[in-house]
Amino acid sequence: MTDLTKLSAAKLHAVIAKREAVHSALLDETIAAGYGETRHNDIVRMAREDGVPLLVEYVAAFDSLFEARWELDARQRYHGGDKPIRRAA
């Protein structure tokens, strides 16, 4: 998996865009499969406990997307921009 902390701002935005597209497509599939009225925490529970394949894939895409978004948020909170944070060695 890509180390998001080392990506340039442009590459991080590209990763977020790709992950949003995957997440959106899987969200459409989960809605079409009849999970449109199901709460997110119930979807996560069904994915982890029952192993419903579509929901496992959806939760993985959701987690991946928000990992990238959290990195962007951390950068913006740290120095107000989206360039990488220089971490101490």
Protein backbone atom coordinates (compact mmCIF):
# COMPACT_ATOMS: atom_id res chain seq x y z
CA MET A 1 0.00 0.00 0.00
CA THR A 2 1.12 3.54 -0.71
CA ASP A 3 2.66 5.58 2.10
CA LEU A 4 0.31 8.56 1.99
CA THR A 5 2.51 10.68 4.25
CA LYS A 6 5.20 10.88 1.56
CA LEU A 7 2.99 11.73 -1.43
CA SER A 8 3.04 15.17 -2.99
CA ALA A 9 -0.13 17.23 -2.76
CA ALA A 10 -1.08 16.50 -6.38
CA LYS A 11 -0.54 12.76 -5.97
CA LEU A 12 -2.54 12.68 -2.74
CA HIS A 13 -5.43 14.44 -4.45
CA ALA A 14 -5.21 11.94 -7.33
CA VAL A 15 -5.29 9.02 -4.86
CA ILE A 16 -8.33 10.54 -3.13
CA ALA A 17 -10.11 10.99 -6.48
CA LYS A 18 -9.45 7.36 -7.47
CA ARG A 19 -10.57 6.05 -4.09
CA GLU A 20 -13.70 8.22 -4.19
CA ALA A 21 -14.60 6.72 -7.59
CA VAL A 22 -14.19 3.17 -6.26
CA HIS A 23 -16.15 3.98 -3.11
CA SER A 24 -18.94 5.63 -5.10
CA ALA A 25 -19.27 2.64 -7.42
CA LEU A 26 -19.41 0.23 -4.48
CA LEU A 27 -21.92 2.45 -2.71
CA ASP A 28 -24.17 2.27 -5.78
CA GLU A 29 -23.81 -1.52 -5.76
CA THR A 30 -24.69 -1.80 -2.06
CA ILE A 31 -27.76 0.36 -2.60
CA ALA A 32 -28.79 -1.75 -5.61
CA ALA A 33 -28.28 -4.90 -3.51
CA GLY A 34 -30.86 -3.67 -1.01
CA TYR A 35 -28.63 -2.15 1.67
CA GLY A 36 -29.66 1.45 0.98
CA GLU A 37 -31.58 1.83 4.24
CA THR A 38 -28.96 0.04 6.35
CA ARG A 39 -26.93 2.13 8.78
CA HIS A 40 -23.19 2.30 8.19
CA ASN A 41 -22.32 0.67 11.51
CA ASP A 42 -24.62 -2.25 10.64
CA ILE A 43 -22.90 -2.61 7.26
CA VAL A 44 -19.52 -2.69 8.99
CA ARG A 45 -20.79 -5.30 11.47
CA MET A 46 -22.23 -7.48 8.67
CA ALA A 47 -18.97 -7.21 6.73
CA ARG A 48 -16.82 -8.19 9.70
CA GLU A 49 -19.06 -10.79 11.38
CA ASP A 50 -21.05 -12.29 8.50
CA GLY A 51 -18.44 -11.79 5.78
CA VAL A 52 -20.89 -10.55 3.12
CA PRO A 53 -18.47 -10.17 0.15
CA LEU A 54 -19.96 -6.95 -1.26
CA LEU A 55 -19.98 -5.35 2.16
CA VAL A 56 -16.42 -6.47 2.92
CA GLU A 57 -15.28 -4.80 -0.30
CA TYR A 58 -17.35 -1.68 0.47
CA VAL A 59 -15.91 -1.32 3.99
CA ALA A 60 -12.36 -1.79 2.67
CA ALA A 61 -12.94 0.95 0.07
CA PHE A 62 -14.49 3.22 2.71
CA ASP A 63 -11.53 2.73 5.06
CA SER A 64 -9.05 3.30 2.24
CA LEU A 65 -10.77 6.51 1.14
CA PHE A 66 -10.93 7.94 4.61
CA GLU A 67 -7.30 7.04 5.31
CA ALA A 68 -6.36 9.34 2.42
CA ARG A 69 -8.81 12.03 3.51
CA TRP A 70 -7.46 11.93 7.08
CA GLU A 71 -3.94 12.46 5.75
CA LEU A 72 -5.11 15.51 3.79
CA ASP A 73 -6.95 16.79 6.87
CA ALA A 74 -3.83 16.31 9.03
CA ARG A 75 -1.78 18.31 6.55
CA GLN A 76 -4.30 21.12 6.49
CA ARG A 77 -4.50 21.25 10.28
CA TYR A 78 -0.71 21.16 10.62
CA HIS A 79 0.27 23.95 8.25
CA GLY A 80 -2.87 25.09 6.46
CA GLY A 81 -1.96 23.54 3.11
CA ASP A 82 -1.84 20.18 1.47
CA LYS A 83 1.90 19.71 0.99
CA PRO A 84 3.48 16.83 2.96
CA ILE A 85 4.35 17.29 6.62
CA ARG A 86 8.07 16.95 7.26
CA ARG A 87 8.27 14.37 9.98
CA ALA A 88 11.19 14.20 12.40
CA ALA A 89 13.61 11.39 11.59
